[in-house]
Protein backbone atom coordinates (compact mmCIF):
# COMPACT_ATOMS: atom_id res chain seq x y z
CA UNK A 1 -37.56 -13.24 16.29
CA UNK A 2 -33.98 -14.44 16.41
CA UNK A 3 -31.54 -11.54 16.22
CA UNK A 4 -28.28 -11.91 14.34
CA UNK A 5 -26.53 -11.44 10.99
CA UNK A 6 -28.34 -12.91 7.99
CA UNK A 7 -26.99 -14.63 4.89
CA UNK A 8 -29.01 -14.25 1.72
CA UNK A 9 -28.49 -15.76 -1.74
CA UNK A 10 -28.59 -13.48 -4.77
CA UNK A 11 -28.54 -14.86 -8.34
CA UNK A 12 -26.59 -13.20 -11.14
CA UNK A 13 -26.08 -13.72 -14.85
CA UNK A 14 -22.47 -14.85 -15.48
CA UNK A 15 -20.42 -12.07 -17.04
CA UNK A 16 -19.04 -12.99 -20.50
CA UNK A 17 -15.51 -11.86 -19.72
CA UNK A 18 -12.42 -13.99 -19.95
CA UNK A 19 -9.50 -13.14 -17.69
CA UNK A 20 -6.30 -13.21 -19.79
CA UNK A 21 -3.94 -16.05 -19.04
CA UNK A 22 -1.45 -15.17 -16.35
CA UNK A 23 -3.61 -12.46 -14.73
CA UNK A 24 -5.47 -12.74 -11.46
CA UNK A 25 -9.14 -11.69 -11.60
CA UNK A 26 -8.69 -8.58 -9.43
CA UNK A 27 -5.78 -7.47 -11.61
CA UNK A 28 -7.91 -7.73 -14.75
CA UNK A 29 -10.95 -6.10 -13.18
CA UNK A 30 -8.89 -2.95 -12.61
CA UNK A 31 -7.92 -2.73 -16.27
CA UNK A 32 -9.29 -0.27 -18.82
CA UNK A 33 -10.63 -3.23 -20.81
CA UNK A 34 -12.87 -4.31 -17.94
CA UNK A 35 -14.08 -0.76 -17.36
CA UNK A 36 -15.05 -0.60 -21.04
CA UNK A 37 -17.27 -3.61 -20.43
CA UNK A 38 -18.76 -1.91 -17.39
CA UNK A 39 -19.83 1.01 -19.58
CA UNK A 40 -20.75 -0.88 -22.75
CA UNK A 41 -22.76 -3.69 -21.16
CA UNK A 42 -23.99 -2.19 -17.88
CA UNK A 43 -23.70 1.59 -18.22
CA UNK A 44 -26.81 3.66 -17.53
CA UNK A 45 -25.63 7.28 -17.45
CA UNK A 46 -22.42 9.28 -17.69
CA UNK A 47 -21.46 12.92 -17.39
CA UNK A 48 -18.52 15.18 -18.30
CA UNK A 49 -17.19 14.95 -14.74
CA UNK A 50 -16.33 11.29 -15.33
CA UNK A 51 -19.08 9.86 -13.11
CA UNK A 52 -20.67 6.67 -14.41
CA UNK A 53 -23.96 5.21 -13.16
CA UNK A 54 -24.17 1.49 -13.89
CA UNK A 55 -26.11 -1.66 -13.17
CA UNK A 56 -24.37 -4.00 -10.77
CA UNK A 57 -23.96 -7.13 -12.87
CA UNK A 58 -22.97 -9.16 -9.79
CA UNK A 59 -25.17 -7.39 -7.29
CA UNK A 60 -25.82 -7.53 -3.58
CA UNK A 61 -29.56 -7.26 -4.17
CA UNK A 62 -31.81 -7.65 -7.20
CA UNK A 63 -34.49 -5.57 -5.48
CA UNK A 64 -32.48 -2.39 -6.13
CA UNK A 65 -28.74 -2.15 -6.63
CA UNK A 66 -26.70 0.37 -8.56
CA UNK A 67 -23.41 2.23 -8.27
CA UNK A 68 -21.73 5.43 -9.32
CA UNK A 69 -18.04 5.14 -10.11
CA UNK A 70 -15.56 7.94 -10.67
CA UNK A 71 -14.31 6.46 -13.93
CA UNK A 72 -10.66 7.45 -14.25
CA UNK A 73 -9.73 4.23 -16.09
CA UNK A 74 -8.39 6.06 -19.16
CA UNK A 75 -7.15 9.24 -17.54
CA UNK A 76 -5.17 7.42 -14.81
CA UNK A 77 -3.82 4.09 -16.06
CA UNK A 78 -2.07 3.21 -12.78
CA UNK A 79 -4.80 1.53 -10.67
CA UNK A 80 -2.97 2.47 -7.49
CA UNK A 81 -2.92 6.13 -8.52
CA UNK A 82 -6.67 6.52 -8.89
CA UNK A 83 -8.84 8.34 -6.33
CA UNK A 84 -10.00 5.84 -3.73
CA UNK A 85 -11.97 8.08 -1.36
CA UNK A 86 -14.06 11.26 -1.39
CA UNK A 87 -11.27 13.45 -0.04
CA UNK A 88 -9.27 12.80 -3.24
CA UNK A 89 -12.02 13.93 -5.63
CA UNK A 90 -11.87 17.42 -7.21
CA UNK A 91 -14.45 19.82 -5.75
CA UNK A 92 -16.38 20.30 -9.01
CA UNK A 93 -16.72 16.52 -9.39
CA UNK A 94 -17.68 16.08 -5.74
CA UNK A 95 -20.43 18.68 -6.11
CA UNK A 96 -22.06 16.68 -8.91
CA UNK A 97 -21.39 13.43 -7.06
CA UNK A 98 -23.21 14.69 -3.96
CA UNK A 99 -26.21 15.83 -5.99
CA UNK A 100 -26.41 12.42 -7.67
CA UNK A 101 -26.23 10.74 -4.27
CA UNK A 102 -29.07 12.89 -2.93
CA UNK A 103 -31.30 12.14 -5.93
CA UNK A 104 -30.79 8.37 -5.76
CA UNK A 105 -31.25 8.17 -1.99
CA UNK A 106 -34.43 10.26 -2.28
CA UNK A 107 -35.72 7.84 -4.94
CA UNK A 108 -35.03 4.81 -2.75
CA UNK A 109 -36.83 6.38 0.22
CA UNK A 110 -39.78 7.34 -1.99
CA UNK A 111 -40.03 3.92 -3.62
CA UNK A 112 -39.56 2.09 -0.30
CA UNK A 113 -41.22 4.33 2.33
CA UNK A 114 -41.73 1.66 5.03
CA UNK A 115 -38.61 0.93 7.13
CA UNK A 116 -40.22 -2.30 8.29
CA UNK A 117 -40.35 -3.60 4.72
CA UNK A 118 -37.07 -2.42 3.24
CA UNK A 119 -33.50 -1.88 4.39
CA UNK A 120 -32.19 1.12 2.46
CA UNK A 121 -28.49 2.00 2.39
CA UNK A 122 -25.90 3.97 0.48
CA UNK A 123 -22.21 4.27 0.99
CA UNK A 124 -18.67 3.62 -0.07
CA UNK A 125 -15.81 1.37 0.89
CA UNK A 126 -12.17 2.11 0.30
CA UNK A 127 -8.78 0.53 0.77
CA UNK A 128 -5.52 2.40 1.04
CA UNK A 129 -3.61 2.95 -2.20
CA UNK A 130 -0.50 1.08 -1.10
CA UNK A 131 -1.87 -2.44 -0.85
CA UNK A 132 -0.82 -4.80 -3.68
CA UNK A 133 -3.60 -5.45 -6.17
CA UNK A 134 -3.19 -9.18 -5.60
CA UNK A 135 -3.86 -8.99 -1.85
CA UNK A 136 -7.11 -10.38 -0.42
CA UNK A 137 -9.79 -7.75 0.04
CA UNK A 138 -8.64 -5.37 -2.71
CA UNK A 139 -11.83 -4.25 -4.47
CA UNK A 140 -12.61 -5.63 -7.90
CA UNK A 141 -12.59 -2.11 -9.35
CA UNK A 142 -9.83 0.10 -7.96
CA UNK A 143 -11.69 3.37 -8.21
CA UNK A 144 -13.97 5.26 -5.86
CA UNK A 145 -17.55 4.09 -6.22
CA UNK A 146 -20.73 4.42 -4.20
CA UNK A 147 -23.27 1.66 -3.62
CA UNK A 148 -27.05 2.16 -3.51
CA UNK A 149 -28.83 -0.94 -2.24
CA UNK A 150 -32.27 -1.98 -1.02
CA UNK A 151 -32.95 -5.30 0.70
CA UNK A 152 -36.42 -6.77 1.15
CA UNK A 153 -36.68 -7.24 4.91
CA UNK A 154 -39.06 -10.17 4.50
CA UNK A 155 -36.34 -11.94 2.52
CA UNK A 156 -33.90 -11.13 5.30
CA UNK A 157 -36.30 -12.48 7.95
CA UNK A 158 -36.61 -15.75 6.05
CA UNK A 159 -32.88 -16.06 5.40
CA UNK A 160 -30.59 -18.32 7.36
CA UNK A 161 -28.45 -16.94 10.15
CA UNK A 162 -24.89 -16.07 9.15
CA UNK A 163 -21.93 -17.31 11.12
CA UNK A 164 -21.28 -14.53 13.68
CA UNK A 165 -17.61 -15.53 13.65
CA UNK A 166 -17.36 -14.73 9.95
CA UNK A 167 -14.32 -12.38 9.83
CA UNK A 168 -16.02 -10.34 7.10
CA UNK A 169 -18.73 -9.18 9.47
CA UNK A 170 -17.81 -5.80 10.92
CA UNK A 171 -18.31 -6.46 14.61
CA UNK A 172 -17.16 -3.35 16.44
CA UNK A 173 -16.33 -5.22 19.62
CA UNK A 174 -14.64 -8.13 17.89
CA UNK A 175 -12.89 -7.23 14.65
CA UNK A 176 -12.22 -3.51 14.97
CA UNK A 177 -9.04 -2.60 16.77
CA UNK A 178 -10.29 0.90 17.52
CA UNK A 179 -13.47 -0.33 19.17
CA UNK A 180 -11.94 -3.24 21.05
CA UNK A 181 -9.11 -1.39 22.80
CA UNK A 182 -9.79 2.35 22.80
CA UNK A 183 -13.50 2.92 22.23
CA UNK A 184 -13.67 5.94 24.55
CA UNK A 185 -10.69 7.62 22.87
CA UNK A 186 -12.29 7.02 19.48
CA UNK A 187 -15.66 8.48 20.49
CA UNK A 188 -14.15 11.47 22.30
CA UNK A 189 -12.10 12.29 19.22
CA UNK A 190 -15.19 12.27 16.99
CA UNK A 191 -17.07 14.33 19.56
CA UNK A 192 -14.59 17.14 18.91
CA UNK A 193 -15.64 17.53 15.27
CA UNK A 194 -17.75 20.53 14.20
CA UNK A 195 -21.13 18.97 13.41
CA UNK A 196 -24.56 20.62 13.32
CA UNK A 197 -26.76 18.38 11.16
CA UNK A 198 -25.20 15.11 12.31
CA UNK A 199 -26.10 14.30 15.92
CA UNK A 200 -24.41 11.49 17.85
CA UNK A 201 -26.72 8.50 18.30
CA UNK A 202 -27.47 7.16 21.74
CA UNK A 203 -25.61 3.88 22.30
CA UNK A 204 -27.47 1.03 20.57
CA UNK A 205 -30.28 3.22 19.19
CA UNK A 206 -29.15 2.98 15.57
CA UNK A 207 -29.06 -0.80 15.24
CA UNK A 208 -31.18 -2.76 12.80
CA UNK A 209 -33.22 -4.95 15.17
CA UNK A 210 -33.28 -7.90 12.78
CA UNK A 211 -29.50 -8.25 12.59
CA UNK A 212 -28.27 -6.39 15.68
CA UNK A 213 -25.87 -4.38 13.49
CA UNK A 214 -23.95 -2.11 13.28
CA UNK A 215 -22.10 -3.09 16.44
CA UNK A 216 -20.19 -0.61 18.54
CA UNK A 217 -19.48 1.90 15.80
CA UNK A 218 -19.75 5.70 16.07
CA UNK A 219 -23.04 6.68 14.45
CA UNK A 220 -24.88 9.93 13.84
CA UNK A 221 -28.52 10.71 13.17
CA UNK A 222 -29.17 12.98 10.18
CA UNK A 223 -31.32 15.68 11.75
CA UNK A 224 -33.93 16.79 9.24
CA UNK A 225 -33.88 13.45 7.45
CA UNK A 226 -33.77 13.29 3.65
CA UNK A 227 -34.29 17.06 3.33
CA UNK A 228 -30.90 17.61 4.94
CA UNK A 229 -29.22 15.70 2.11
CA UNK A 230 -30.21 18.61 -0.15
CA UNK A 231 -27.98 20.90 1.89
CA UNK A 232 -24.31 21.52 1.16
CA UNK A 233 -23.73 21.58 4.92
CA UNK A 234 -24.69 17.89 5.23
CA UNK A 235 -22.16 16.75 2.64
CA UNK A 236 -19.46 18.85 4.24
CA UNK A 237 -20.20 17.17 7.55
CA UNK A 238 -20.22 13.78 5.81
CA UNK A 239 -16.71 14.63 4.60
CA UNK A 240 -15.76 15.83 8.09
CA UNK A 241 -16.57 12.38 9.50
CA UNK A 242 -14.31 10.80 6.89
CA UNK A 243 -11.53 13.31 7.50
CA UNK A 244 -11.72 12.67 11.23
CA UNK A 245 -11.51 8.94 10.63
CA UNK A 246 -8.49 9.40 8.35
CA UNK A 247 -6.73 11.56 10.95
CA UNK A 248 -7.36 8.97 13.66
CA UNK A 249 -6.26 6.07 11.46
CA UNK A 250 -3.08 7.75 10.16
CA UNK A 251 -2.08 8.98 13.61
CA UNK A 252 -2.61 5.60 15.23
CA UNK A 253 -0.74 3.55 12.67
CA UNK A 254 1.97 6.21 12.54
CA UNK A 255 2.55 5.50 16.23
CA UNK A 256 2.41 1.75 15.57
CA UNK A 257 5.04 2.11 12.86
CA UNK A 258 7.36 4.47 14.75
CA UNK A 259 7.45 5.01 18.49
CA UNK A 260 6.71 8.64 19.43
CA UNK A 261 6.27 9.56 15.75
CA UNK A 262 5.52 13.20 14.92
CA UNK A 263 2.05 14.17 13.78
CA UNK A 264 1.44 13.01 10.19
CA UNK A 265 1.76 15.63 7.50
CA UNK A 266 -1.36 17.18 5.95
CA UNK A 267 -3.52 16.30 8.96
CA UNK A 268 -7.04 17.77 8.82
CA UNK A 269 -7.54 18.52 12.53
CA UNK A 270 -4.08 19.05 14.08
CA UNK A 271 -5.27 20.59 17.36
CA UNK A 272 -7.75 17.77 17.92
CA UNK A 273 -5.11 15.14 17.12
CA UNK A 274 -2.64 16.71 19.52
CA UNK A 275 -5.16 17.15 22.34
CA UNK A 276 -7.13 13.90 22.09
CA UNK A 277 -4.60 11.43 20.68
CA UNK A 278 -0.92 12.26 21.01
CA UNK A 279 -1.27 13.05 24.71
CA UNK A 280 -3.57 10.12 25.49
CA UNK A 281 -1.92 7.25 27.38
CA UNK A 282 -4.51 4.67 26.35
CA UNK A 283 -4.07 5.56 22.66
CA UNK A 284 -0.28 5.26 22.86
CA UNK A 285 -0.45 2.10 24.99
CA UNK A 286 -2.60 0.42 22.33
CA UNK A 287 -0.19 1.52 19.60
CA UNK A 288 2.66 -0.10 21.55
CA UNK A 289 0.67 -3.32 21.88
CA UNK A 290 0.13 -3.50 18.11
CA UNK A 291 3.76 -2.53 17.39
CA UNK A 292 5.07 -5.31 19.64
CA UNK A 293 2.74 -7.78 17.95
CA UNK A 294 4.02 -6.73 14.52
CA UNK A 295 7.62 -7.23 15.61
CA UNK A 296 7.09 -10.81 16.72
CA UNK A 297 4.46 -11.95 14.20
CA UNK A 298 5.28 -11.51 10.49
CA UNK A 299 1.85 -12.70 9.35
CA UNK A 300 0.11 -10.15 11.59
CA UNK A 301 2.40 -7.35 10.43
CA UNK A 302 1.75 -8.19 6.79
CA UNK A 303 -2.00 -7.95 7.36
CA UNK A 304 -1.81 -4.40 8.75
CA UNK A 305 -3.30 -1.72 6.54
CA UNK A 306 -0.96 1.12 7.23
CA UNK A 307 -3.03 3.70 5.38
CA UNK A 308 -6.75 4.48 5.86
CA UNK A 309 -9.14 1.68 4.96
CA UNK A 310 -12.78 2.40 5.72
CA UNK A 311 -16.47 1.94 4.98
CA UNK A 312 -18.81 4.93 5.31
CA UNK A 313 -22.54 4.47 5.15
CA UNK A 314 -25.89 6.27 5.12
CA UNK A 315 -28.77 3.98 6.01
CA UNK A 316 -32.34 4.08 7.32
CA UNK A 317 -32.91 2.56 10.74
CA UNK A 318 -36.02 0.80 12.03
CA UNK A 319 -37.73 4.03 13.06
CA UNK A 320 -37.19 5.68 9.68
CA UNK A 321 -34.27 7.91 10.68
CA UNK A 322 -31.27 8.33 8.41
CA UNK A 323 -28.03 7.31 10.09
CA UNK A 324 -24.39 7.88 9.14
CA UNK A 325 -21.72 5.48 10.38
CA UNK A 326 -18.09 4.71 9.57
CA UNK A 327 -15.94 1.67 10.20
CA UNK A 328 -12.43 0.39 9.83
CA UNK A 329 -12.52 -1.98 6.84
CA UNK A 330 -12.00 -5.68 7.48
CA UNK A 331 -10.30 -7.93 4.95
CA UNK A 332 -12.63 -9.04 2.19
CA UNK A 333 -15.84 -7.66 3.62
CA UNK A 334 -18.69 -6.04 1.74
CA UNK A 335 -20.37 -2.80 2.69
CA UNK A 336 -23.61 -4.67 3.46
CA UNK A 337 -21.87 -6.61 6.22
CA UNK A 338 -21.57 -3.42 8.21
CA UNK A 339 -25.32 -3.86 8.77
CA UNK A 340 -25.09 -7.61 9.35
CA UNK A 341 -26.11 -8.75 5.84
CA UNK A 342 -23.88 -11.37 4.20
CA UNK A 343 -24.63 -11.89 0.50
CA UNK A 344 -23.87 -15.19 -1.20
CA UNK A 345 -23.89 -14.43 -4.91
CA UNK A 346 -24.44 -17.43 -7.17
CA UNK A 347 -24.44 -17.77 -10.98
CA UNK A 348 -28.07 -18.37 -11.97
CA UNK A 349 -29.13 -16.81 -15.27
CA UNK A 350 -32.76 -17.91 -14.98
CA UNK A 351 -33.08 -16.64 -11.42
CA UNK A 352 -31.62 -13.28 -12.40
CA UNK A 353 -33.86 -13.05 -15.49
CA UNK A 354 -36.95 -13.26 -13.28
CA UNK A 355 -35.83 -10.25 -11.26
CA UNK A 356 -34.27 -8.21 -14.07
CA UNK A 357 -37.33 -6.46 -15.60
CA UNK A 358 -38.48 -4.92 -12.30
CA UNK A 359 -34.91 -3.99 -11.38
CA UNK A 360 -34.25 -2.26 -14.71
CA UNK A 361 -37.55 -0.36 -14.49
CA UNK A 362 -36.33 1.26 -11.27
CA UNK A 363 -32.86 1.94 -12.62
CA UNK A 364 -34.29 3.63 -15.71
CA UNK A 365 -36.50 5.82 -13.50
CA UNK A 366 -33.45 6.91 -11.51
CA UNK A 367 -31.65 7.64 -14.77
CA UNK A 368 -34.54 9.82 -15.98
CA UNK A 369 -34.49 11.83 -12.76
CA UNK A 370 -30.76 12.43 -13.02
CA UNK A 371 -31.07 13.47 -16.67
CA UNK A 372 -33.89 15.90 -15.85
CA UNK A 373 -31.54 17.61 -13.38
CA UNK A 374 -28.72 17.84 -15.95
CA UNK A 375 -26.62 15.31 -14.04
CA UNK A 376 -25.73 13.18 -17.06
CA UNK A 377 -26.69 11.64 -20.37
CA UNK A 378 -28.13 8.18 -20.95
CA UNK A 379 -25.95 5.34 -22.21
CA UNK A 380 -27.28 2.87 -24.78
CA UNK A 381 -26.05 -0.72 -24.52
CA UNK A 382 -26.93 -3.91 -26.38
CA UNK A 383 -29.41 -4.58 -23.58
CA UNK A 384 -31.24 -1.22 -23.52
CA UNK A 385 -31.54 2.08 -25.33
CA UNK A 386 -30.85 5.65 -24.25
CA UNK A 387 -34.48 6.53 -23.59
């Protein structure tokens, strides 16, 4: 078996939306009007906390693909002012969000029990809130949303190999600054976090054999498997990983921006930052290298994401273990590319129609389970009812 990233083709039904004249698509997709369409045509379930479960109209996979979005489209009209990561979500909303995550992941693992037949993943991707909406890589919906995806591994095996030089593939040793120049600093910093359920993976043990991904990223095994996702402690540790990443990112690019900059305000782990980063010569040497590059190369400087941009993922590896990983976000990449899966989505109404009945059956079952646990109420659209 040839190991490497795969490119699959996924058909979708063209969305009957017209972008107003003079607007770029990603500007329109962040509008309240587009979010209305998301609810009215693709909405499955909503709750008083503002969380919306919906069908992915342009999906990564038609085997199983759905998302939960924290729909603040009407309460926060400024797209750049909306929550873009878990740490910005109110605690009462996050509590419901975590429960919904646990239910959907449990369903995917139940429906697809064999890790040799299905690649199961869940996670979120976020950009910083200071990037212009028109910049490449800004998500089509500027609000925090989770992805829940299943790929048929047989389809992946039969798919063509993706170009390993594709800049959208998250190659830890190639595209990630943290991994390429200060891997040991990065891992030592994460090792200082207070984790009980999440256990650091042995190097290379968490890869998907078919693709060879993820590459070089810090990864943790979820001890206790799916049962641990029912525990509050797991979700707190999941947040701890994100907070640690944010501290590392902000501290590093603070040093890139300003030589010998003070510790950023509102840091989550100040003692760890001081001990592992601000007194580490390799960390500061790398910051100087990037700063010097920014000074002499305007294009490079413009491409810097000065605030945290990340992808955080829960997935099942080849031996059936649940793994958590986190990565610096590359320009334009999808969350699936963290695991070496590049999706080419093509308009094909007939192809999508063949897959739609089985897909919707699964999405309706997930909706029923969430409703039974008082996690939301069904949405009726012109395509389906509220049953």
